[in-house]
Amino acid sequence: MLQRLDTEHLNRLALADALASMEPRDFDMRRPDRCICGHALRLFGKRLPYFGGWERQLNVGATLLGLSHEQARELFAPAGRARHSDLYTDPHDAARVVRYLAATDIVDWSVAGKL
């Protein structure tokens, strides 16, 4: 499935491994510092704060992972997975999505499992 092995794809695989080893308390899709993007930025040495807010953080994360703006939005802020009362995405679910992305270049949250 994996078509190429460039820096961005290696970053995706490293991020998936990091997410898979996280405890749920270390991950929160609602917080910019503990979401997929926030963990990617820390993992690859990019530090907060980002002037320009979330959009700037999203752009830096997209570049690190070799994503289009649309793919980055879909990965970092997935529609239909938002919950205000709990940690609605487990880090292991996020890891499955990032691994699938590394293999196919497609962001597909259906591989993450049910909410």
Protein backbone atom coordinates (compact mmCIF):
# COMPACT_ATOMS: atom_id res chain seq x y z
CA MET A 1 0.00 0.00 0.00
CA LEU A 2 2.71 2.48 0.94
CA GLN A 3 3.68 4.27 -2.25
CA ARG A 4 6.68 6.29 -1.06
CA LEU A 5 8.87 6.68 1.97
CA ASP A 6 9.77 10.36 2.20
CA THR A 7 10.24 12.49 5.31
CA GLU A 8 6.55 13.31 5.59
CA HIS A 9 5.54 9.63 5.43
CA LEU A 10 8.20 8.72 7.98
CA ASN A 11 6.81 11.51 10.18
CA ARG A 12 3.33 10.01 9.84
CA LEU A 13 4.59 6.60 10.91
CA ALA A 14 6.53 8.04 13.86
CA LEU A 15 3.46 10.01 14.94
CA ALA A 16 1.26 6.90 14.69
CA ASP A 17 3.69 4.98 16.90
CA ALA A 18 3.76 7.81 19.45
CA LEU A 19 -0.04 8.03 19.53
CA ALA A 20 -0.37 4.26 19.89
CA SER A 21 1.80 4.31 23.01
CA MET A 22 -0.09 7.17 24.72
CA GLU A 23 -2.48 6.89 27.60
CA PRO A 24 -5.92 8.44 27.02
CA ARG A 25 -5.20 11.08 29.68
CA ASP A 26 -2.30 12.38 27.53
CA PHE A 27 -4.50 12.98 24.50
CA ASP A 28 -7.41 15.35 23.92
CA MET A 29 -8.61 16.34 20.45
CA ARG A 30 -10.21 19.50 21.89
CA ARG A 31 -6.91 20.98 23.08
CA PRO A 32 -4.36 22.36 20.60
CA ASP A 33 -1.46 21.20 22.77
CA ARG A 34 -2.75 17.62 23.23
CA CYS A 35 -4.43 16.88 19.90
CA ILE A 36 -2.90 15.03 16.93
CA CYS A 37 -1.43 18.26 15.58
CA GLY A 38 -0.06 19.38 18.95
CA HIS A 39 1.64 16.02 19.50
CA ALA A 40 3.10 16.10 15.97
CA LEU A 41 4.54 19.56 16.54
CA ARG A 42 6.17 18.51 19.81
CA LEU A 43 7.40 15.21 18.41
CA PHE A 44 9.19 16.94 15.55
CA GLY A 45 10.61 19.80 17.63
CA LYS A 46 8.15 22.57 16.78
CA ARG A 47 7.20 24.48 19.92
CA LEU A 48 4.13 26.48 20.80
CA PRO A 49 2.86 29.18 20.83
CA TYR A 50 2.05 29.80 17.21
CA PHE A 51 1.26 33.37 16.41
CA GLY A 52 -1.86 33.37 14.31
CA GLY A 53 -3.49 30.73 16.49
CA TRP A 54 -4.95 27.44 15.37
CA GLU A 55 -4.68 28.15 11.62
CA ARG A 56 -0.93 28.65 11.90
CA GLN A 57 -0.56 25.50 14.00
CA LEU A 58 -2.64 23.59 11.45
CA ASN A 59 -0.42 24.83 8.59
CA VAL A 60 2.79 23.81 10.38
CA GLY A 61 1.34 20.38 11.21
CA ALA A 62 0.20 19.93 7.61
CA THR A 63 3.70 20.70 6.35
CA LEU A 64 5.33 18.25 8.78
CA LEU A 65 3.02 15.45 7.65
CA GLY A 66 2.89 16.39 3.95
CA LEU A 67 -0.84 17.13 3.99
CA SER A 68 -2.99 19.48 1.99
CA HIS A 69 -4.91 22.08 3.96
CA GLU A 70 -8.10 20.04 3.52
CA GLN A 71 -6.46 16.81 4.69
CA ALA A 72 -5.02 18.60 7.71
CA ARG A 73 -8.44 19.95 8.69
CA GLU A 74 -9.95 16.50 8.28
CA LEU A 75 -7.23 14.87 10.40
CA PHE A 76 -6.81 17.50 13.11
CA ALA A 77 -10.46 18.60 13.42
CA PRO A 78 -12.60 15.69 12.23
CA ALA A 79 -16.25 16.50 11.68
CA GLY A 80 -18.63 14.26 13.53
CA ARG A 81 -16.18 13.22 16.24
CA ALA A 82 -16.67 16.24 18.48
CA ARG A 83 -17.98 15.85 22.01
CA HIS A 84 -17.88 18.51 24.67
CA SER A 85 -18.25 16.26 27.68
CA ASP A 86 -15.55 13.62 27.23
CA LEU A 87 -12.35 12.65 25.45
CA TYR A 88 -14.15 11.65 22.28
CA THR A 89 -11.17 10.17 20.46
CA ASP A 90 -8.77 7.70 21.99
CA PRO A 91 -5.08 8.03 21.03
CA HIS A 92 -5.14 4.46 19.70
CA ASP A 93 -7.99 5.40 17.34
CA ALA A 94 -5.99 8.42 16.18
CA ALA A 95 -2.96 6.16 15.64
CA ARG A 96 -5.00 3.89 13.36
CA VAL A 97 -6.10 6.89 11.29
CA VAL A 98 -2.54 8.22 10.98
CA ARG A 99 -1.21 4.76 10.00
CA TYR A 100 -3.90 4.49 7.35
CA LEU A 101 -2.98 7.97 6.14
CA ALA A 102 0.69 6.95 5.89
CA ALA A 103 -0.22 3.93 3.79
CA THR A 104 -2.86 5.47 1.53
CA ASP A 105 -2.60 9.28 1.64
CA ILE A 106 -6.27 9.28 2.69
CA VAL A 107 -7.67 10.61 5.97
CA ASP A 108 -10.41 8.15 6.89
CA TRP A 109 -11.81 8.25 10.40
CA SER A 110 -13.90 5.14 9.76
CA VAL A 111 -10.76 3.07 10.50
CA ALA A 112 -10.68 4.55 13.99
CA GLY A 113 -13.65 2.63 15.26
CA LYS A 114 -16.89 3.74 16.80
CA LEU A 115 -17.35 6.69 19.11
